[in-house]
Protein backbone atom coordinates (compact mmCIF):
# COMPACT_ATOMS: atom_id res chain seq x y z
CA MET A 1 0.08 0.02 -0.04
CA ILE A 2 1.18 3.61 -0.62
CA ARG A 3 0.15 6.13 1.94
CA LEU A 4 1.42 9.45 3.45
CA ALA A 5 4.13 8.96 6.08
CA THR A 6 3.43 9.64 9.64
CA SER A 7 5.87 10.66 12.36
CA THR A 8 6.01 7.14 13.77
CA ASP A 9 7.32 5.94 10.29
CA LEU A 10 10.47 8.15 10.32
CA PRO A 11 12.86 5.73 12.26
CA ALA A 12 11.97 2.97 9.74
CA LEU A 13 12.79 5.43 6.89
CA GLN A 14 16.23 5.95 8.23
CA GLU A 15 16.81 2.19 8.31
CA ILE A 16 15.57 1.92 4.59
CA GLU A 17 17.91 4.61 3.66
CA VAL A 18 20.98 2.90 5.19
CA ALA A 19 19.97 -0.49 3.65
CA ALA A 20 19.27 1.10 0.28
CA GLY A 21 22.72 2.80 0.44
CA ALA A 22 24.63 -0.47 0.88
CA PRO A 23 24.67 -1.60 -2.72
CA PHE A 24 26.64 1.51 -3.74
CA ARG A 25 29.67 -0.02 -1.95
CA ASP A 26 29.58 -2.93 -4.50
CA ILE A 27 30.07 -0.37 -7.34
CA GLY A 28 32.96 1.55 -5.82
CA MET A 29 30.84 4.30 -4.26
CA SER A 30 31.51 3.67 -0.57
CA ALA A 31 31.13 7.34 0.38
CA ILE A 32 27.51 7.08 -0.74
CA ALA A 33 27.01 3.84 1.15
CA ASP A 34 28.55 5.45 4.24
CA ASP A 35 26.60 8.69 3.97
CA PRO A 36 24.31 8.97 7.11
CA PRO A 37 20.57 8.82 6.66
CA PRO A 38 18.45 11.98 6.90
CA THR A 39 17.91 13.07 10.45
CA ILE A 40 14.45 12.74 11.97
CA ALA A 41 14.37 16.62 11.91
CA ASP A 42 15.08 16.64 8.26
CA LEU A 43 12.39 14.02 7.54
CA GLU A 44 9.88 15.96 9.67
CA LYS A 45 10.13 18.94 7.36
CA PHE A 46 8.46 16.84 4.69
CA LEU A 47 5.67 15.84 6.95
CA GLY A 48 4.07 19.26 7.51
CA PRO A 49 3.29 19.88 3.85
CA ALA A 50 2.58 16.11 3.35
CA HIS A 51 5.32 15.60 0.98
CA ILE A 52 6.55 12.10 2.12
CA TRP A 53 5.03 8.87 0.97
CA VAL A 54 5.65 5.35 2.10
CA ALA A 55 5.05 1.97 0.60
CA THR A 56 4.24 -0.45 3.31
CA GLY A 57 4.27 -4.23 3.63
CA ASP A 58 1.37 -6.22 5.05
CA ASP A 59 2.02 -5.07 8.57
CA ASP A 60 1.84 -1.34 7.56
CA ARG A 61 5.56 -0.98 8.23
CA PRO A 62 7.39 1.06 5.54
CA ILE A 63 9.56 -0.76 3.22
CA ALA A 64 10.15 2.11 0.66
CA TYR A 65 9.69 5.95 0.68
CA ALA A 66 9.80 9.04 -1.36
CA LEU A 67 10.36 12.68 -0.48
CA MET A 68 9.14 15.59 -2.61
CA GLU A 69 9.37 19.39 -2.64
CA VAL A 70 7.90 21.96 -4.93
CA VAL A 71 10.86 23.55 -6.99
CA ASP A 72 10.20 26.22 -9.59
CA ALA A 73 6.61 25.03 -10.18
CA ALA A 74 7.51 21.32 -10.51
CA ALA A 75 7.30 18.35 -8.09
CA HIS A 76 10.99 17.71 -7.37
CA ILE A 77 11.62 14.14 -6.10
CA GLU A 78 14.22 14.66 -3.41
CA GLN A 79 14.62 11.00 -2.58
CA VAL A 80 13.25 7.51 -3.52
CA SER A 81 14.52 4.58 -1.47
CA VAL A 82 13.44 1.00 -1.49
CA HIS A 83 14.75 -1.49 1.07
CA PRO A 84 16.76 -4.06 -0.90
CA ASP A 85 14.68 -6.89 0.59
CA HIS A 86 11.77 -5.46 -1.39
CA ALA A 87 13.47 -4.24 -4.59
CA ARG A 88 12.40 -5.01 -8.11
CA ARG A 89 8.79 -5.08 -7.19
CA GLY A 90 7.74 -1.66 -8.74
CA LEU A 91 7.64 0.08 -5.38
CA GLY A 92 9.88 3.04 -6.57
CA ALA A 93 7.71 3.44 -9.74
CA ARG A 94 4.53 3.31 -7.67
CA LEU A 95 5.81 6.00 -5.27
CA ILE A 96 6.78 8.14 -8.28
CA ASP A 97 3.42 7.71 -9.83
CA GLU A 98 1.85 8.81 -6.49
CA ILE A 99 3.91 11.90 -6.54
CA GLY A 100 2.80 12.44 -10.22
CA ASN A 101 -0.91 12.14 -9.15
CA TRP A 102 -0.24 14.61 -6.40
CA ALA A 103 1.56 17.08 -8.91
CA ASN A 104 -1.38 16.63 -11.38
CA GLY A 105 -3.91 17.64 -8.62
CA HIS A 106 -1.83 20.63 -7.91
CA GLN A 107 -1.53 21.68 -11.54
CA LEU A 108 2.25 21.09 -11.66
CA PRO A 109 3.43 20.23 -15.12
CA ALA A 110 6.41 18.12 -14.35
CA LEU A 111 8.40 15.94 -11.94
CA THR A 112 12.14 16.53 -11.70
CA LEU A 113 14.97 14.85 -9.87
CA THR A 114 18.74 14.61 -9.76
CA THR A 115 20.55 11.34 -9.81
CA PHE A 116 23.68 9.54 -10.61
CA ALA A 117 24.16 9.18 -14.45
CA ASP A 118 25.74 5.79 -14.61
CA VAL A 119 24.27 3.78 -11.71
CA PRO A 120 21.86 1.15 -13.19
CA TRP A 121 19.21 1.86 -10.50
CA ASN A 122 19.54 5.62 -10.89
CA ALA A 123 19.30 7.47 -14.34
CA PRO A 124 18.82 4.39 -16.56
CA TYR A 125 15.93 3.29 -14.27
CA TYR A 126 14.36 6.72 -14.33
CA GLU A 127 14.73 6.87 -18.04
CA ARG A 128 12.63 3.58 -18.16
CA LEU A 129 9.92 5.42 -16.24
CA GLY A 130 9.78 8.26 -18.72
CA PHE A 131 12.29 10.82 -17.31
CA ARG A 132 14.53 12.58 -19.79
CA ARG A 133 17.95 14.17 -19.06
CA LEU A 134 18.11 17.87 -19.03
CA ALA A 135 20.97 19.98 -20.40
CA ASP A 136 22.58 22.25 -17.93
CA SER A 137 21.19 25.16 -19.91
CA ASP A 138 17.61 23.86 -19.28
CA LEU A 139 17.98 23.99 -15.52
CA THR A 140 15.72 26.28 -13.49
CA PRO A 141 17.25 28.40 -10.88
CA GLY A 142 15.91 26.10 -8.13
CA LEU A 143 17.42 23.08 -9.89
CA VAL A 144 20.71 24.86 -10.10
CA ARG A 145 20.77 25.54 -6.40
CA ILE A 146 19.94 21.73 -5.74
CA ARG A 147 22.93 20.83 -7.98
CA GLU A 148 25.19 23.19 -6.19
CA ARG A 149 24.20 21.85 -2.67
CA GLU A 150 24.84 18.34 -4.07
CA ALA A 151 28.24 19.43 -5.30
CA GLN A 152 28.99 20.81 -1.76
CA HIS A 153 28.06 17.58 -0.27
CA GLY A 154 30.43 15.71 -2.56
CA LEU A 155 28.00 14.00 -4.78
CA ASP A 156 29.57 15.41 -7.93
CA ALA A 157 32.49 13.05 -7.39
CA TRP A 158 30.47 10.75 -9.80
CA PRO A 159 28.64 11.96 -12.90
CA ARG A 160 25.13 13.31 -11.95
CA VAL A 161 22.23 14.47 -14.08
CA THR A 162 19.08 16.30 -13.61
CA MET A 163 15.93 14.70 -15.14
CA ARG A 164 12.33 15.70 -15.93
CA ARG A 165 9.14 13.96 -16.77
CA PRO A 166 5.92 15.58 -17.81
CA VAL A 167 2.91 15.04 -15.43
CA ALA A 168 0.21 12.85 -17.09
CA THR A 169 -3.08 14.65 -17.13
């Protein structure tokens, strides 16, 4: 089931993030695997505007989640993480579709995200879901700021891309 997150879900989201980061170690991106999960305070910022969704198992415990914020009149997907024990079941795509439904209901024309260009479960995956890479010249001011923050955090040590998908109406 996909639903909005509650405050009691947040510790489980941290666990999901740690587990979802571990496979990066296998492809030589240990710094990503070792990056700490978002703090509870950081996650709480998404609760207020109801911009955090979870996919849950039969016990209603989160097994995947997605964070979104509105950036330059688009629904920007800040994070999608699926616990590896539940990977390859379409949970990430379902969470993204839920954000797309939200964006459609709020008359936002597109979904955007930033991701690693060459990691199979990153940009190539999002391309299969209909996202297209944006040229740097097509980035909005808010997306430029996001990329700058990511660079300051060291994420540009590996090739990154910004992507966009129109919202289905």
